[in-house]
Amino acid sequence: MMTITELQMKDIVAIEDGRKLGFISDLEIDVDRGYIVALIISLGGKMLGFFGKEEEVVIPWNNIVTIGADVILVRTERPKLSHQAHN
């Protein structure tokens, strides 16, 4: 068994290129069925986007490849950006 705090301490790494994405900032949970739907990852850094929110990416639970001792490996081929910085 693993706690949410233990999950939040793990680095999230993209399996495609080994890029570190950041850490879990939130979880999307289906409370009716009692399972995690997606991980919400803050893309790190102090760069703030629209309305002062950090850029986040949503990783669906089925895109998690493995959860290791220190790292969670994920597939990122089609992440949904919920907050994008405007250039």
N, C-alpha and C. Protein backbone atom coordinates (compact mmCIF):
# COMPACT_ATOMS: atom_id res chain seq x y z
N MET A 1 0.84 -1.17 0.00
CA MET A 1 0.00 0.00 0.00
C MET A 1 0.89 1.24 0.00
N MET A 2 0.39 2.33 -0.61
CA MET A 2 1.15 3.56 -0.74
C MET A 2 0.25 4.74 -0.39
N THR A 3 0.82 5.74 0.28
CA THR A 3 0.05 6.93 0.63
C THR A 3 0.18 7.98 -0.47
N ILE A 4 -0.73 8.95 -0.46
CA ILE A 4 -0.67 10.06 -1.41
C ILE A 4 0.64 10.83 -1.22
N THR A 5 1.05 11.01 0.02
CA THR A 5 2.30 11.73 0.30
C THR A 5 3.48 11.01 -0.34
N GLU A 6 3.50 9.69 -0.27
CA GLU A 6 4.59 8.93 -0.90
C GLU A 6 4.57 9.09 -2.42
N LEU A 7 3.38 9.11 -3.01
CA LEU A 7 3.27 9.34 -4.46
C LEU A 7 3.80 10.73 -4.83
N GLN A 8 3.45 11.74 -4.03
CA GLN A 8 3.84 13.12 -4.34
C GLN A 8 5.34 13.34 -4.27
N MET A 9 6.07 12.49 -3.57
CA MET A 9 7.51 12.67 -3.42
C MET A 9 8.29 12.07 -4.59
N LYS A 10 7.63 11.33 -5.46
CA LYS A 10 8.32 10.67 -6.57
C LYS A 10 8.43 11.61 -7.78
N ASP A 11 9.57 11.54 -8.47
CA ASP A 11 9.75 12.27 -9.73
C ASP A 11 8.87 11.63 -10.79
N ILE A 12 8.26 12.46 -11.63
CA ILE A 12 7.49 11.96 -12.77
C ILE A 12 8.37 12.10 -14.00
N VAL A 13 8.62 11.00 -14.70
CA VAL A 13 9.55 10.98 -15.83
C VAL A 13 8.84 10.43 -17.07
N ALA A 14 9.01 11.13 -18.20
CA ALA A 14 8.45 10.70 -19.48
C ALA A 14 9.29 9.56 -20.03
N ILE A 15 8.63 8.45 -20.34
CA ILE A 15 9.35 7.27 -20.83
C ILE A 15 9.91 7.49 -22.23
N GLU A 16 9.30 8.38 -23.02
CA GLU A 16 9.74 8.60 -24.41
C GLU A 16 11.15 9.16 -24.50
N ASP A 17 11.49 10.09 -23.59
CA ASP A 17 12.79 10.75 -23.70
C ASP A 17 13.53 10.92 -22.37
N GLY A 18 13.00 10.36 -21.30
CA GLY A 18 13.66 10.44 -20.00
C GLY A 18 13.56 11.80 -19.33
N ARG A 19 12.73 12.68 -19.87
CA ARG A 19 12.58 14.04 -19.37
C ARG A 19 11.80 14.03 -18.05
N LYS A 20 12.34 14.73 -17.05
CA LYS A 20 11.65 14.87 -15.78
C LYS A 20 10.55 15.92 -15.93
N LEU A 21 9.31 15.53 -15.64
CA LEU A 21 8.18 16.43 -15.81
C LEU A 21 7.91 17.27 -14.57
N GLY A 22 8.17 16.74 -13.41
CA GLY A 22 7.87 17.45 -12.17
C GLY A 22 7.35 16.49 -11.13
N PHE A 23 6.46 16.98 -10.30
CA PHE A 23 5.89 16.18 -9.22
C PHE A 23 4.38 16.25 -9.29
N ILE A 24 3.73 15.30 -8.64
CA ILE A 24 2.27 15.30 -8.57
C ILE A 24 1.81 16.49 -7.74
N SER A 25 0.94 17.31 -8.31
CA SER A 25 0.38 18.43 -7.56
C SER A 25 -1.04 18.12 -7.11
N ASP A 26 -1.68 17.15 -7.79
CA ASP A 26 -3.06 16.81 -7.44
C ASP A 26 -3.40 15.47 -8.07
N LEU A 27 -4.51 14.91 -7.64
CA LEU A 27 -5.02 13.67 -8.20
C LEU A 27 -6.45 13.89 -8.63
N GLU A 28 -6.84 13.27 -9.74
CA GLU A 28 -8.24 13.25 -10.13
C GLU A 28 -8.78 11.89 -9.71
N ILE A 29 -9.80 11.89 -8.85
CA ILE A 29 -10.30 10.66 -8.25
C ILE A 29 -11.77 10.46 -8.59
N ASP A 30 -12.12 9.24 -8.97
CA ASP A 30 -13.52 8.85 -9.15
C ASP A 30 -13.99 8.37 -7.80
N VAL A 31 -14.68 9.24 -7.06
CA VAL A 31 -15.07 8.90 -5.69
C VAL A 31 -16.17 7.84 -5.66
N ASP A 32 -16.98 7.78 -6.70
CA ASP A 32 -18.04 6.77 -6.75
C ASP A 32 -17.48 5.36 -6.89
N ARG A 33 -16.42 5.24 -7.66
CA ARG A 33 -15.83 3.91 -7.91
C ARG A 33 -14.59 3.66 -7.05
N GLY A 34 -14.04 4.72 -6.44
CA GLY A 34 -12.91 4.56 -5.53
C GLY A 34 -11.57 4.30 -6.18
N TYR A 35 -11.28 4.99 -7.29
CA TYR A 35 -9.96 4.84 -7.90
C TYR A 35 -9.45 6.16 -8.47
N ILE A 36 -8.13 6.20 -8.70
CA ILE A 36 -7.48 7.38 -9.27
C ILE A 36 -7.68 7.36 -10.78
N VAL A 37 -8.18 8.46 -11.33
CA VAL A 37 -8.43 8.60 -12.77
C VAL A 37 -7.19 9.15 -13.46
N ALA A 38 -6.52 10.14 -12.82
CA ALA A 38 -5.38 10.79 -13.46
C ALA A 38 -4.49 11.45 -12.41
N LEU A 39 -3.22 11.63 -12.80
CA LEU A 39 -2.28 12.41 -12.01
C LEU A 39 -2.22 13.81 -12.62
N ILE A 40 -2.18 14.82 -11.79
CA ILE A 40 -2.01 16.19 -12.28
C ILE A 40 -0.62 16.63 -11.86
N ILE A 41 0.18 16.98 -12.86
CA ILE A 41 1.59 17.29 -12.66
C ILE A 41 1.82 18.78 -12.85
N SER A 42 2.45 19.42 -11.86
CA SER A 42 2.93 20.79 -12.04
C SER A 42 4.23 20.70 -12.80
N LEU A 43 4.32 21.46 -13.87
CA LEU A 43 5.50 21.36 -14.73
C LEU A 43 6.68 22.15 -14.18
N GLY A 44 6.71 22.32 -12.89
CA GLY A 44 7.87 22.88 -12.21
C GLY A 44 8.18 24.31 -12.56
N GLY A 45 9.19 24.83 -11.90
CA GLY A 45 9.62 26.19 -12.15
C GLY A 45 8.67 27.21 -11.55
N LYS A 46 9.10 28.45 -11.58
CA LYS A 46 8.31 29.55 -11.03
C LYS A 46 7.58 30.31 -12.12
N MET A 47 7.64 29.82 -13.37
CA MET A 47 6.98 30.51 -14.46
C MET A 47 5.47 30.34 -14.31
N LEU A 48 4.77 31.44 -14.22
CA LEU A 48 3.34 31.39 -14.05
C LEU A 48 2.64 31.71 -15.35
N GLY A 49 1.54 31.04 -15.58
CA GLY A 49 0.77 31.26 -16.79
C GLY A 49 -0.40 32.18 -16.53
N PHE A 50 -1.42 32.02 -17.29
CA PHE A 50 -2.63 32.82 -17.23
C PHE A 50 -3.24 32.78 -15.84
N PHE A 51 -3.62 33.94 -15.29
CA PHE A 51 -4.21 34.07 -13.95
C PHE A 51 -3.26 33.60 -12.85
N GLY A 52 -1.96 33.59 -13.12
CA GLY A 52 -0.99 33.24 -12.09
C GLY A 52 -0.93 31.77 -11.74
N LYS A 53 -1.50 30.91 -12.57
CA LYS A 53 -1.47 29.48 -12.29
C LYS A 53 -0.28 28.85 -12.99
N GLU A 54 0.31 27.84 -12.33
CA GLU A 54 1.40 27.12 -12.95
C GLU A 54 0.86 26.27 -14.09
N GLU A 55 1.72 25.98 -15.04
CA GLU A 55 1.33 25.09 -16.12
C GLU A 55 1.23 23.68 -15.56
N GLU A 56 0.14 22.99 -15.90
CA GLU A 56 -0.09 21.64 -15.41
C GLU A 56 -0.34 20.72 -16.60
N VAL A 57 -0.05 19.46 -16.40
CA VAL A 57 -0.37 18.45 -17.39
C VAL A 57 -1.13 17.33 -16.67
N VAL A 58 -2.14 16.80 -17.34
CA VAL A 58 -2.94 15.72 -16.79
C VAL A 58 -2.48 14.42 -17.43
N ILE A 59 -2.06 13.47 -16.61
CA ILE A 59 -1.61 12.16 -17.08
C ILE A 59 -2.68 11.14 -16.68
N PRO A 60 -3.43 10.61 -17.65
CA PRO A 60 -4.42 9.59 -17.31
C PRO A 60 -3.75 8.38 -16.65
N TRP A 61 -4.46 7.76 -15.73
CA TRP A 61 -3.92 6.62 -14.98
C TRP A 61 -3.40 5.54 -15.92
N ASN A 62 -4.08 5.30 -17.05
CA ASN A 62 -3.63 4.24 -17.96
C ASN A 62 -2.36 4.62 -18.73
N ASN A 63 -1.85 5.85 -18.59
CA ASN A 63 -0.57 6.24 -19.18
C ASN A 63 0.60 6.02 -18.24
N ILE A 64 0.32 5.54 -17.03
CA ILE A 64 1.40 5.23 -16.10
C ILE A 64 1.99 3.89 -16.50
N VAL A 65 3.30 3.87 -16.74
CA VAL A 65 3.98 2.65 -17.15
C VAL A 65 4.37 1.84 -15.92
N THR A 66 4.98 2.50 -14.95
CA THR A 66 5.38 1.82 -13.72
C THR A 66 5.59 2.83 -12.61
N ILE A 67 5.40 2.37 -11.38
CA ILE A 67 5.67 3.19 -10.20
C ILE A 67 6.80 2.50 -9.46
N GLY A 68 7.97 3.17 -9.46
CA GLY A 68 9.15 2.61 -8.81
C GLY A 68 9.36 3.21 -7.43
N ALA A 69 10.50 2.90 -6.84
CA ALA A 69 10.81 3.38 -5.49
C ALA A 69 10.93 4.90 -5.45
N ASP A 70 11.52 5.51 -6.51
CA ASP A 70 11.76 6.95 -6.52
C ASP A 70 11.10 7.67 -7.68
N VAL A 71 10.64 6.92 -8.69
CA VAL A 71 10.21 7.51 -9.96
C VAL A 71 8.90 6.88 -10.41
N ILE A 72 8.07 7.69 -11.07
CA ILE A 72 6.89 7.19 -11.77
C ILE A 72 7.13 7.43 -13.25
N LEU A 73 7.18 6.36 -14.05
CA LEU A 73 7.38 6.48 -15.49
C LEU A 73 6.02 6.57 -16.17
N VAL A 74 5.88 7.57 -17.06
CA VAL A 74 4.60 7.80 -17.74
C VAL A 74 4.81 7.97 -19.24
N ARG A 75 3.76 7.62 -20.00
CA ARG A 75 3.72 7.93 -21.43
C ARG A 75 3.08 9.30 -21.56
N THR A 76 3.67 10.16 -22.41
CA THR A 76 3.16 11.53 -22.53
C THR A 76 2.79 11.88 -23.95
N GLU A 77 2.56 10.90 -24.80
CA GLU A 77 2.33 11.23 -26.21
C GLU A 77 1.18 12.19 -26.45
N ARG A 78 0.18 12.22 -25.58
CA ARG A 78 -0.95 13.14 -25.79
C ARG A 78 -1.43 13.73 -24.46
N PRO A 79 -0.55 14.44 -23.73
CA PRO A 79 -1.03 15.05 -22.48
C PRO A 79 -1.97 16.22 -22.75
N LYS A 80 -2.91 16.44 -21.83
CA LYS A 80 -3.81 17.59 -21.92
C LYS A 80 -3.23 18.71 -21.07
N LEU A 81 -2.97 19.86 -21.67
CA LEU A 81 -2.51 21.00 -20.91
C LEU A 81 -3.75 21.74 -20.39
N SER A 82 -3.81 21.91 -19.08
CA SER A 82 -4.97 22.58 -18.52
C SER A 82 -4.74 24.08 -18.39
N HIS A 83 -3.47 24.48 -18.23
CA HIS A 83 -3.12 25.90 -18.12
C HIS A 83 -1.88 26.12 -18.94
N GLN A 84 -1.97 26.92 -19.98
CA GLN A 84 -0.84 27.18 -20.85
C GLN A 84 -0.41 28.63 -20.73
N ALA A 85 0.90 28.83 -20.64
CA ALA A 85 1.45 30.19 -20.66
C ALA A 85 1.28 30.75 -22.07
N HIS A 86 0.87 31.99 -22.18
CA HIS A 86 0.70 32.63 -23.49
C HIS A 86 1.94 33.41 -23.85
N ASN A 87 2.38 33.28 -25.09
CA ASN A 87 3.58 34.00 -25.54
C ASN A 87 3.18 35.24 -26.28
